[in-house]
Amino acid sequence: MSRADKIAKAARRTAQEARDAASKRRQEERKKRANKSLSVDAHRHCVVCWSPIPLDRDPAVCTESGCIEKNEKREAARKRLTLMMYLFPGIAVLLLILQLAGGVG
């Protein structure tokens, strides 16, 4: 391969790389434009019905009475479960300690 052929091959490769880079840049610009047109204000969703609500709403429930009631029931059930998860193992450990203490004497 002559020197002229090597230079021509390198020029073709460089030109192809430049075309690929330009194509990639154009695609990224198209994506950015498409994303800007689809932008949505920052929000969160109701934990019951998943409708959009403002970010500062706490608890994350919409203003419908059904969603509020259902969320209150879920929270009460969660609190009961948490209490049981700590209370029952505590009672079991206490009974085990009492049994061991009673067996020694």
PDB file of N, CA and C in Angstrom:
ATOM      1  N   MET A   1       0.850  -1.160   0.000  1.00  0.00           N
ATOM      2  CA  MET A   1       0.000   0.000   0.000  1.00  0.00           C
ATOM      3  C   MET A   1       0.906   1.236   0.000  1.00  0.00           C
ATOM      4  N   SER A   2       0.607   2.123  -0.893  1.00  0.00           N
ATOM      5  CA  SER A   2       1.445   3.310  -1.020  1.00  0.00           C
ATOM      6  C   SER A   2       1.048   4.346   0.042  1.00  0.00           C
ATOM      7  N   ARG A   3       1.880   5.327   0.167  1.00  0.00           N
ATOM      8  CA  ARG A   3       1.636   6.372   1.145  1.00  0.00           C
ATOM      9  C   ARG A   3       0.357   7.139   0.816  1.00  0.00           C
ATOM     10  N   ALA A   4       0.093   7.367  -0.443  1.00  0.00           N
ATOM     11  CA  ALA A   4      -1.112   8.079  -0.867  1.00  0.00           C
ATOM     12  C   ALA A   4      -2.361   7.285  -0.483  1.00  0.00           C
ATOM     13  N   ASP A   5      -2.294   5.942  -0.626  1.00  0.00           N
ATOM     14  CA  ASP A   5      -3.427   5.102  -0.247  1.00  0.00           C
ATOM     15  C   ASP A   5      -3.683   5.170   1.259  1.00  0.00           C
ATOM     16  N   LYS A   6      -2.603   5.158   2.049  1.00  0.00           N
ATOM     17  CA  LYS A   6      -2.742   5.241   3.508  1.00  0.00           C
ATOM     18  C   LYS A   6      -3.375   6.572   3.922  1.00  0.00           C
ATOM     19  N   ILE A   7      -2.942   7.637   3.278  1.00  0.00           N
ATOM     20  CA  ILE A   7      -3.499   8.954   3.598  1.00  0.00           C
ATOM     21  C   ILE A   7      -4.969   9.027   3.205  1.00  0.00           C
ATOM     22  N   ALA A   8      -5.301   8.460   2.045  1.00  0.00           N
ATOM     23  CA  ALA A   8      -6.693   8.464   1.586  1.00  0.00           C
ATOM     24  C   ALA A   8      -7.570   7.637   2.529  1.00  0.00           C
ATOM     25  N   LYS A   9      -7.058   6.486   2.985  1.00  0.00           N
ATOM     26  CA  LYS A   9      -7.806   5.633   3.895  1.00  0.00           C
ATOM     27  C   LYS A   9      -8.035   6.352   5.231  1.00  0.00           C
ATOM     28  N   ALA A  10      -6.997   7.015   5.739  1.00  0.00           N
ATOM     29  CA  ALA A  10      -7.121   7.766   6.992  1.00  0.00           C
ATOM     30  C   ALA A  10      -8.109   8.911   6.831  1.00  0.00           C
ATOM     31  N   ALA A  11      -8.118   9.570   5.688  1.00  0.00           N
ATOM     32  CA  ALA A  11      -9.051  10.673   5.440  1.00  0.00           C
ATOM     33  C   ALA A  11     -10.489  10.170   5.412  1.00  0.00           C
ATOM     34  N   ARG A  12     -10.718   9.015   4.767  1.00  0.00           N
ATOM     35  CA  ARG A  12     -12.066   8.436   4.726  1.00  0.00           C
ATOM     36  C   ARG A  12     -12.542   8.076   6.136  1.00  0.00           C
ATOM     37  N   ARG A  13     -11.615   7.480   6.927  1.00  0.00           N
ATOM     38  CA  ARG A  13     -11.969   7.093   8.299  1.00  0.00           C
ATOM     39  C   ARG A  13     -12.312   8.335   9.131  1.00  0.00           C
ATOM     40  N   THR A  14     -11.528   9.379   9.009  1.00  0.00           N
ATOM     41  CA  THR A  14     -11.772  10.616   9.746  1.00  0.00           C
ATOM     42  C   THR A  14     -13.094  11.254   9.321  1.00  0.00           C
ATOM     43  N   ALA A  15     -13.388  11.229   8.028  1.00  0.00           N
ATOM     44  CA  ALA A  15     -14.637  11.787   7.528  1.00  0.00           C
ATOM     45  C   ALA A  15     -15.832  11.000   8.064  1.00  0.00           C
ATOM     46  N   GLN A  16     -15.702   9.664   8.103  1.00  0.00           N
ATOM     47  CA  GLN A  16     -16.788   8.835   8.628  1.00  0.00           C
ATOM     48  C   GLN A  16     -17.014   9.112  10.114  1.00  0.00           C
ATOM     49  N   GLU A  17     -15.931   9.255  10.868  1.00  0.00           N
ATOM     50  CA  GLU A  17     -16.056   9.568  12.288  1.00  0.00           C
ATOM     51  C   GLU A  17     -16.719  10.923  12.498  1.00  0.00           C
ATOM     52  N   ALA A  18     -16.403  11.890  11.671  1.00  0.00           N
ATOM     53  CA  ALA A  18     -17.015  13.216  11.765  1.00  0.00           C
ATOM     54  C   ALA A  18     -18.507  13.137  11.450  1.00  0.00           C
ATOM     55  N   ARG A  19     -18.880  12.349  10.412  1.00  0.00           N
ATOM     56  CA  ARG A  19     -20.304  12.177  10.091  1.00  0.00           C
ATOM     57  C   ARG A  19     -21.048  11.505  11.239  1.00  0.00           C
ATOM     58  N   ASP A  20     -20.439  10.472  11.832  1.00  0.00           N
ATOM     59  CA  ASP A  20     -21.069   9.773  12.960  1.00  0.00           C
ATOM     60  C   ASP A  20     -21.265  10.700  14.159  1.00  0.00           C
ATOM     61  N   ALA A  21     -20.261  11.514  14.452  1.00  0.00           N
ATOM     62  CA  ALA A  21     -20.362  12.448  15.569  1.00  0.00           C
ATOM     63  C   ALA A  21     -21.453  13.479  15.323  1.00  0.00           C
ATOM     64  N   ALA A  22     -21.538  13.985  14.098  1.00  0.00           N
ATOM     65  CA  ALA A  22     -22.568  14.971  13.759  1.00  0.00           C
ATOM     66  C   ALA A  22     -23.951  14.349  13.845  1.00  0.00           C
ATOM     67  N   SER A  23     -24.082  13.121  13.378  1.00  0.00           N
ATOM     68  CA  SER A  23     -25.366  12.426  13.446  1.00  0.00           C
ATOM     69  C   SER A  23     -25.789  12.218  14.891  1.00  0.00           C
ATOM     70  N   LYS A  24     -24.849  11.814  15.732  1.00  0.00           N
ATOM     71  CA  LYS A  24     -25.150  11.598  17.144  1.00  0.00           C
ATOM     72  C   LYS A  24     -25.585  12.906  17.808  1.00  0.00           C
ATOM     73  N   ARG A  25     -24.902  13.996  17.493  1.00  0.00           N
ATOM     74  CA  ARG A  25     -25.237  15.301  18.056  1.00  0.00           C
ATOM     75  C   ARG A  25     -26.641  15.724  17.626  1.00  0.00           C
ATOM     76  N   ARG A  26     -26.990  15.501  16.352  1.00  0.00           N
ATOM     77  CA  ARG A  26     -28.327  15.850  15.881  1.00  0.00           C
ATOM     78  C   ARG A  26     -29.394  15.032  16.602  1.00  0.00           C
ATOM     79  N   GLN A  27     -29.140  13.741  16.813  1.00  0.00           N
ATOM     80  CA  GLN A  27     -30.107  12.899  17.517  1.00  0.00           C
ATOM     81  C   GLN A  27     -30.301  13.371  18.955  1.00  0.00           C
ATOM     82  N   GLU A  28     -29.221  13.749  19.628  1.00  0.00           N
ATOM     83  CA  GLU A  28     -29.332  14.246  21.000  1.00  0.00           C
ATOM     84  C   GLU A  28     -30.130  15.548  21.053  1.00  0.00           C
ATOM     85  N   GLU A  29     -29.913  16.421  20.080  1.00  0.00           N
ATOM     86  CA  GLU A  29     -30.674  17.671  20.028  1.00  0.00           C
ATOM     87  C   GLU A  29     -32.153  17.403  19.807  1.00  0.00           C
ATOM     88  N   ARG A  30     -32.470  16.433  18.952  1.00  0.00           N
ATOM     89  CA  ARG A  30     -33.875  16.069  18.727  1.00  0.00           C
ATOM     90  C   ARG A  30     -34.507  15.546  20.009  1.00  0.00           C
ATOM     91  N   LYS A  31     -33.777  14.712  20.738  1.00  0.00           N
ATOM     92  CA  LYS A  31     -34.299  14.171  22.000  1.00  0.00           C
ATOM     93  C   LYS A  31     -34.553  15.286  23.005  1.00  0.00           C
ATOM     94  N   LYS A  32     -33.621  16.242  23.085  1.00  0.00           N
ATOM     95  CA  LYS A  32     -33.792  17.352  24.016  1.00  0.00           C
ATOM     96  C   LYS A  32     -35.028  18.165  23.669  1.00  0.00           C
ATOM     97  N   ARG A  33     -35.217  18.432  22.379  1.00  0.00           N
ATOM     98  CA  ARG A  33     -36.396  19.190  21.962  1.00  0.00           C
ATOM     99  C   ARG A  33     -37.668  18.423  22.277  1.00  0.00           C
ATOM    100  N   ALA A  34     -37.658  17.113  22.051  1.00  0.00           N
ATOM    101  CA  ALA A  34     -38.838  16.297  22.328  1.00  0.00           C
ATOM    102  C   ALA A  34     -39.125  16.265  23.823  1.00  0.00           C
ATOM    103  N   ASN A  35     -38.092  16.164  24.654  1.00  0.00           N
ATOM    104  CA  ASN A  35     -38.288  16.135  26.101  1.00  0.00           C
ATOM    105  C   ASN A  35     -38.797  17.463  26.628  1.00  0.00           C
ATOM    106  N   LYS A  36     -38.366  18.572  26.039  1.00  0.00           N
ATOM    107  CA  LYS A  36     -38.840  19.876  26.490  1.00  0.00           C
ATOM    108  C   LYS A  36     -40.328  20.025  26.220  1.00  0.00           C
ATOM    109  N   SER A  37     -40.796  19.500  25.112  1.00  0.00           N
ATOM    110  CA  SER A  37     -42.210  19.628  24.803  1.00  0.00           C
ATOM    111  C   SER A  37     -43.067  18.723  25.683  1.00  0.00           C
ATOM    112  N   LEU A  38     -42.476  17.692  26.277  1.00  0.00           N
ATOM    113  CA  LEU A  38     -43.218  16.776  27.138  1.00  0.00           C
ATOM    114  C   LEU A  38     -43.001  17.048  28.622  1.00  0.00           C
ATOM    115  N   SER A  39     -42.377  18.148  28.963  1.00  0.00           N
ATOM    116  CA  SER A  39     -42.043  18.399  30.361  1.00  0.00           C
ATOM    117  C   SER A  39     -43.308  18.570  31.200  1.00  0.00           C
ATOM    118  N   VAL A  40     -43.225  18.086  32.435  1.00  0.00           N
ATOM    119  CA  VAL A  40     -44.341  18.119  33.376  1.00  0.00           C
ATOM    120  C   VAL A  40     -43.842  18.771  34.650  1.00  0.00           C
ATOM    121  N   ASP A  41     -44.680  19.566  35.287  1.00  0.00           N
ATOM    122  CA  ASP A  41     -44.289  20.181  36.548  1.00  0.00           C
ATOM    123  C   ASP A  41     -43.998  19.107  37.586  1.00  0.00           C
ATOM    124  N   ALA A  42     -43.119  19.423  38.517  1.00  0.00           N
ATOM    125  CA  ALA A  42     -42.768  18.474  39.568  1.00  0.00           C
ATOM    126  C   ALA A  42     -44.008  18.169  40.417  1.00  0.00           C
ATOM    127  N   HIS A  43     -44.227  16.902  40.675  1.00  0.00           N
ATOM    128  CA  HIS A  43     -45.389  16.482  41.462  1.00  0.00           C
ATOM    129  C   HIS A  43     -45.132  15.110  42.053  1.00  0.00           C
ATOM    130  N   ARG A  44     -46.015  14.658  42.905  1.00  0.00           N
ATOM    131  CA  ARG A  44     -45.997  13.295  43.408  1.00  0.00           C
ATOM    132  C   ARG A  44     -47.386  12.713  43.198  1.00  0.00           C
ATOM    133  N   HIS A  45     -47.591  11.478  43.590  1.00  0.00           N
ATOM    134  CA  HIS A  45     -48.862  10.824  43.322  1.00  0.00           C
ATOM    135  C   HIS A  45     -49.517  10.359  44.610  1.00  0.00           C
ATOM    136  N   CYS A  46     -50.832  10.376  44.602  1.00  0.00           N
ATOM    137  CA  CYS A  46     -51.621   9.878  45.737  1.00  0.00           C
ATOM    138  C   CYS A  46     -51.289   8.404  45.938  1.00  0.00           C
ATOM    139  N   VAL A  47     -51.071   7.989  47.195  1.00  0.00           N
ATOM    140  CA  VAL A  47     -50.697   6.601  47.457  1.00  0.00           C
ATOM    141  C   VAL A  47     -51.869   5.648  47.290  1.00  0.00           C
ATOM    142  N   VAL A  48     -53.074   6.168  47.148  1.00  0.00           N
ATOM    143  CA  VAL A  48     -54.246   5.314  46.995  1.00  0.00           C
ATOM    144  C   VAL A  48     -54.674   5.221  45.525  1.00  0.00           C
ATOM    145  N   CYS A  49     -54.933   6.370  44.903  1.00  0.00           N
ATOM    146  CA  CYS A  49     -55.477   6.352  43.537  1.00  0.00           C
ATOM    147  C   CYS A  49     -54.459   6.772  42.482  1.00  0.00           C
ATOM    148  N   TRP A  50     -53.281   7.180  42.868  1.00  0.00           N
ATOM    149  CA  TRP A  50     -52.174   7.565  41.982  1.00  0.00           C
ATOM    150  C   TRP A  50     -52.449   8.799  41.132  1.00  0.00           C
ATOM    151  N   SER A  51     -53.365   9.650  41.549  1.00  0.00           N
ATOM    152  CA  SER A  51     -53.568  10.895  40.817  1.00  0.00           C
ATOM    153  C   SER A  51     -52.485  11.892  41.220  1.00  0.00           C
ATOM    154  N   PRO A  52     -52.080  12.796  40.329  1.00  0.00           N
ATOM    155  CA  PRO A  52     -51.015  13.761  40.649  1.00  0.00           C
ATOM    156  C   PRO A  52     -51.453  14.722  41.753  1.00  0.00           C
ATOM    157  N   ILE A  53     -50.544  14.983  42.706  1.00  0.00           N
ATOM    158  CA  ILE A  53     -50.787  15.931  43.790  1.00  0.00           C
ATOM    159  C   ILE A  53     -49.544  16.794  43.961  1.00  0.00           C
ATOM    160  N   PRO A  54     -49.641  17.928  44.645  1.00  0.00           N
ATOM    161  CA  PRO A  54     -48.460  18.777  44.853  1.00  0.00           C
ATOM    162  C   PRO A  54     -47.395  18.082  45.695  1.00  0.00           C
ATOM    163  N   LEU A  55     -46.153  18.543  45.546  1.00  0.00           N
ATOM    164  CA  LEU A  55     -45.034  17.946  46.272  1.00  0.00           C
ATOM    165  C   LEU A  55     -45.141  18.135  47.780  1.00  0.00           C
ATOM    166  N   ASP A  56     -45.717  19.246  48.227  1.00  0.00           N
ATOM    167  CA  ASP A  56     -45.727  19.544  49.648  1.00  0.00           C
ATOM    168  C   ASP A  56     -46.872  18.889  50.415  1.00  0.00           C
ATOM    169  N   ARG A  57     -47.682  18.105  49.780  1.00  0.00           N
ATOM    170  CA  ARG A  57     -48.817  17.448  50.441  1.00  0.00           C
ATOM    171  C   ARG A  57     -48.292  16.331  51.336  1.00  0.00           C
ATOM    172  N   ASP A  58     -48.680  16.371  52.626  1.00  0.00           N
ATOM    173  CA  ASP A  58     -48.246  15.331  53.550  1.00  0.00           C
ATOM    174  C   ASP A  58     -49.399  15.000  54.465  1.00  0.00           C
ATOM    175  N   PRO A  59     -49.908  13.820  54.507  1.00  0.00           N
ATOM    176  CA  PRO A  59     -49.463  12.625  53.799  1.00  0.00           C
ATOM    177  C   PRO A  59     -49.792  12.717  52.308  1.00  0.00           C
ATOM    178  N   ALA A  60     -49.179  11.853  51.541  1.00  0.00           N
ATOM    179  CA  ALA A  60     -49.303  11.905  50.082  1.00  0.00           C
ATOM    180  C   ALA A  60     -50.629  11.314  49.624  1.00  0.00           C
ATOM    181  N   VAL A  61     -51.708  12.040  49.922  1.00  0.00           N
ATOM    182  CA  VAL A  61     -53.056  11.590  49.576  1.00  0.00           C
ATOM    183  C   VAL A  61     -53.792  12.759  48.941  1.00  0.00           C
ATOM    184  N   CYS A  62     -54.596  12.476  47.929  1.00  0.00           N
ATOM    185  CA  CYS A  62     -55.373  13.536  47.288  1.00  0.00           C
ATOM    186  C   CYS A  62     -56.501  13.985  48.218  1.00  0.00           C
ATOM    187  N   THR A  63     -57.318  14.901  47.773  1.00  0.00           N
ATOM    188  CA  THR A  63     -58.344  15.484  48.643  1.00  0.00           C
ATOM    189  C   THR A  63     -59.651  14.701  48.658  1.00  0.00           C
ATOM    190  N   GLU A  64     -59.745  13.596  47.943  1.00  0.00           N
ATOM    191  CA  GLU A  64     -60.983  12.812  47.937  1.00  0.00           C
ATOM    192  C   GLU A  64     -61.157  12.106  49.277  1.00  0.00           C
ATOM    193  N   SER A  65     -62.388  12.078  49.774  1.00  0.00           N
ATOM    194  CA  SER A  65     -62.643  11.507  51.100  1.00  0.00           C
ATOM    195  C   SER A  65     -62.355  10.002  51.129  1.00  0.00           C
ATOM    196  N   GLY A  66     -62.632   9.309  50.047  1.00  0.00           N
ATOM    197  CA  GLY A  66     -62.369   7.873  49.993  1.00  0.00           C
ATOM    198  C   GLY A  66     -60.885   7.559  50.124  1.00  0.00           C
ATOM    199  N   CYS A  67     -60.055   8.359  49.475  1.00  0.00           N
ATOM    200  CA  CYS A  67     -58.606   8.158  49.561  1.00  0.00           C
ATOM    201  C   CYS A  67     -58.104   8.462  50.969  1.00  0.00           C
ATOM    202  N   ILE A  68     -58.643   9.513  51.578  1.00  0.00           N
ATOM    203  CA  ILE A  68     -58.211   9.884  52.931  1.00  0.00           C
ATOM    204  C   ILE A  68     -58.563   8.776  53.916  1.00  0.00           C
ATOM    205  N   GLU A  69     -59.795   8.254  53.837  1.00  0.00           N
ATOM    206  CA  GLU A  69     -60.224   7.176  54.742  1.00  0.00           C
ATOM    207  C   GLU A  69     -59.389   5.916  54.541  1.00  0.00           C
ATOM    208  N   LYS A  70     -59.159   5.565  53.290  1.00  0.00           N
ATOM    209  CA  LYS A  70     -58.392   4.352  53.000  1.00  0.00           C
ATOM    210  C   LYS A  70     -56.954   4.492  53.499  1.00  0.00           C
ATOM    211  N   ASN A  71     -56.365   5.669  53.360  1.00  0.00           N
ATOM    212  CA  ASN A  71     -55.010   5.893  53.849  1.00  0.00           C
ATOM    213  C   ASN A  71     -54.955   5.815  55.374  1.00  0.00           C
ATOM    214  N   GLU A  72     -55.961   6.368  56.057  1.00  0.00           N
ATOM    215  CA  GLU A  72     -56.003   6.295  57.523  1.00  0.00           C
ATOM    216  C   GLU A  72     -56.092   4.844  57.990  1.00  0.00           C
ATOM    217  N   LYS A  73     -56.901   4.024  57.303  1.00  0.00           N
ATOM    218  CA  LYS A  73     -57.010   2.607  57.661  1.00  0.00           C
ATOM    219  C   LYS A  73     -55.676   1.889  57.449  1.00  0.00           C
ATOM    220  N   ARG A  74     -55.011   2.186  56.347  1.00  0.00           N
ATOM    221  CA  ARG A  74     -53.711   1.556  56.066  1.00  0.00           C
ATOM    222  C   ARG A  74     -52.673   1.934  57.119  1.00  0.00           C
ATOM    223  N   GLU A  75     -52.664   3.206  57.512  1.00  0.00           N
ATOM    224  CA  GLU A  75     -51.705   3.663  58.517  1.00  0.00           C
ATOM    225  C   GLU A  75     -51.969   3.011  59.867  1.00  0.00           C
ATOM    226  N   ALA A  76     -53.240   2.881  60.246  1.00  0.00           N
ATOM    227  CA  ALA A  76     -53.578   2.232  61.516  1.00  0.00           C
ATOM    228  C   ALA A  76     -53.141   0.766  61.484  1.00  0.00           C
ATOM    229  N   ALA A  77     -53.368   0.081  60.379  1.00  0.00           N
ATOM    230  CA  ALA A  77     -52.964  -1.321  60.257  1.00  0.00           C
ATOM    231  C   ALA A  77     -51.445  -1.447  60.306  1.00  0.00           C
ATOM    232  N   ARG A  78     -50.746  -0.509  59.683  1.00  0.00           N
ATOM    233  CA  ARG A  78     -49.280  -0.535  59.704  1.00  0.00           C
ATOM    234  C   ARG A  78     -48.745  -0.336  61.111  1.00  0.00           C
ATOM    235  N   LYS A  79     -49.362   0.577  61.864  1.00  0.00           N
ATOM    236  CA  LYS A  79     -48.927   0.827  63.246  1.00  0.00           C
ATOM    237  C   LYS A  79     -49.187  -0.400  64.122  1.00  0.00           C
ATOM    238  N   ARG A  80     -50.345  -1.050  63.944  1.00  0.00           N
ATOM    239  CA  ARG A  80     -50.646  -2.273  64.703  1.00  0.00           C
ATOM    240  C   ARG A  80     -49.635  -3.365  64.404  1.00  0.00           C
ATOM    241  N   LEU A  81     -49.311  -3.545  63.141  1.00  0.00           N
ATOM    242  CA  LEU A  81     -48.354  -4.569  62.747  1.00  0.00           C
ATOM    243  C   LEU A  81     -46.978  -4.288  63.340  1.00  0.00           C
ATOM    244  N   THR A  82     -46.558  -3.027  63.304  1.00  0.00           N
ATOM    245  CA  THR A  82     -45.269  -2.669  63.883  1.00  0.00           C
ATOM    246  C   THR A  82     -45.254  -2.965  65.380  1.00  0.00           C
ATOM    247  N   LEU A  83     -46.317  -2.645  66.075  1.00  0.00           N
ATOM    248  CA  LEU A  83     -46.415  -2.930  67.510  1.00  0.00           C
ATOM    249  C   LEU A  83     -46.326  -4.430  67.768  1.00  0.00           C
ATOM    250  N   MET A  84     -47.033  -5.219  66.989  1.00  0.00           N
ATOM    251  CA  MET A  84     -46.998  -6.675  67.171  1.00  0.00           C
ATOM    252  C   MET A  84     -45.620  -7.251  66.856  1.00  0.00           C
ATOM    253  N   MET A  85     -44.956  -6.697  65.879  1.00  0.00           N
ATOM    254  CA  MET A  85     -43.632  -7.207  65.501  1.00  0.00           C
ATOM    255  C   MET A  85     -42.625  -7.032  66.638  1.00  0.00           C
ATOM    256  N   TYR A  86     -42.803  -6.016  67.479  1.00  0.00           N
ATOM    257  CA  TYR A  86     -41.911  -5.813  68.617  1.00  0.00           C
ATOM    258  C   TYR A  86     -42.446  -6.475  69.885  1.00  0.00           C
ATOM    259  N   LEU A  87     -43.757  -6.463  70.075  1.00  0.00           N
ATOM    260  CA  LEU A  87     -44.358  -6.962  71.308  1.00  0.00           C
ATOM    261  C   LEU A  87     -44.269  -8.483  71.427  1.00  0.00           C
ATOM    262  N   PHE A  88     -44.638  -9.223  70.412  1.00  0.00           N
ATOM    263  CA  PHE A  88     -44.653 -10.686  70.503  1.00  0.00           C
ATOM    264  C   PHE A  88     -43.261 -11.289  70.714  1.00  0.00           C
ATOM    265  N   PRO A  89     -42.234 -10.894  69.995  1.00  0.00           N
ATOM    266  CA  PRO A  89     -40.895 -11.430  70.313  1.00  0.00           C
ATOM    267  C   PRO A  89     -40.438 -11.029  71.723  1.00  0.00           C
ATOM    268  N   GLY A  90     -40.820  -9.830  72.176  1.00  0.00           N
ATOM    269  CA  GLY A  90     -40.475  -9.406  73.535  1.00  0.00           C
ATOM    270  C   GLY A  90     -41.112 -10.299  74.582  1.00  0.00           C
ATOM    271  N   ILE A  91     -42.375 -10.651  74.371  1.00  0.00           N
ATOM    272  CA  ILE A  91     -43.065 -11.552  75.304  1.00  0.00           C
ATOM    273  C   ILE A  91     -42.411 -12.923  75.280  1.00  0.00           C
ATOM    274  N   ALA A  92     -42.054 -13.412  74.104  1.00  0.00           N
ATOM    275  CA  ALA A  92     -41.415 -14.723  73.997  1.00  0.00           C
ATOM    276  C   ALA A  92     -40.078 -14.731  74.730  1.00  0.00           C
ATOM    277  N   VAL A  93     -39.295 -13.684  74.593  1.00  0.00           N
ATOM    278  CA  VAL A  93     -38.009 -13.601  75.298  1.00  0.00           C
ATOM    279  C   VAL A  93     -38.239 -13.537  76.798  1.00  0.00           C
ATOM    280  N   LEU A  94     -39.234 -12.766  77.240  1.00  0.00           N
ATOM    281  CA  LEU A  94     -39.557 -12.669  78.665  1.00  0.00           C
ATOM    282  C   LEU A  94     -39.967 -14.024  79.222  1.00  0.00           C
ATOM    283  N   LEU A  95     -40.806 -14.772  78.507  1.00  0.00           N
ATOM    284  CA  LEU A  95     -41.216 -16.103  78.966  1.00  0.00           C
ATOM    285  C   LEU A  95     -40.023 -17.053  79.017  1.00  0.00           C
ATOM    286  N   LEU A  96     -39.135 -16.965  78.065  1.00  0.00           N
ATOM    287  CA  LEU A  96     -37.942 -17.797  78.056  1.00  0.00           C
ATOM    288  C   LEU A  96     -37.060 -17.485  79.263  1.00  0.00           C
ATOM    289  N   ILE A  97     -36.883 -16.213  79.550  1.00  0.00           N
ATOM    290  CA  ILE A  97     -36.080 -15.823  80.719  1.00  0.00           C
ATOM    291  C   ILE A  97     -36.729 -16.311  82.003  1.00  0.00           C
ATOM    292  N   LEU A  98     -38.051 -16.169  82.127  1.00  0.00           N
ATOM    293  CA  LEU A  98     -38.751 -16.634  83.326  1.00  0.00           C
ATOM    294  C   LEU A  98     -38.641 -18.162  83.465  1.00  0.00           C
ATOM    295  N   GLN A  99     -38.726 -18.873  82.365  1.00  0.00           N
ATOM    296  CA  GLN A  99     -38.617 -20.325  82.401  1.00  0.00           C
ATOM    297  C   GLN A  99     -37.211 -20.740  82.830  1.00  0.00           C
ATOM    298  N   LEU A 100     -36.194 -20.087  82.293  1.00  0.00           N
ATOM    299  CA  LEU A 100     -34.820 -20.402  82.669  1.00  0.00           C
ATOM    300  C   LEU A 100     -34.549 -20.046  84.115  1.00  0.00           C
ATOM    301  N   ALA A 101     -35.071 -18.939  84.580  1.00  0.00           N
ATOM    302  CA  ALA A 101     -34.871 -18.525  85.973  1.00  0.00           C
ATOM    303  C   ALA A 101     -35.598 -19.458  86.921  1.00  0.00           C
ATOM    304  N   GLY A 102     -36.753 -19.941  86.528  1.00  0.00           N
ATOM    305  CA  GLY A 102     -37.534 -20.857  87.379  1.00  0.00           C
ATOM    306  C   GLY A 102     -36.916 -22.254  87.412  1.00  0.00           C
ATOM    307  N   GLY A 103     -36.254 -22.672  86.356  1.00  0.00           N
ATOM    308  CA  GLY A 103     -35.657 -23.995  86.282  1.00  0.00           C
ATOM    309  C   GLY A 103     -34.378 -24.106  87.074  1.00  0.00           C
ATOM    310  N   VAL A 104     -33.692 -23.012  87.315  1.00  0.00           N
ATOM    311  CA  VAL A 104     -32.414 -23.023  88.025  1.00  0.00           C
ATOM    312  C   VAL A 104     -32.642 -23.254  89.493  1.00  0.00           C
ATOM    313  N   GLY A 105     -33.639 -22.660  90.076  1.00  0.00           N
ATOM    314  CA  GLY A 105     -33.848 -22.667  91.534  1.00  0.00           C
ATOM    315  C   GLY A 105     -34.563 -23.846  91.981  1.00  0.00           C
TER     316      GLY A 105
END
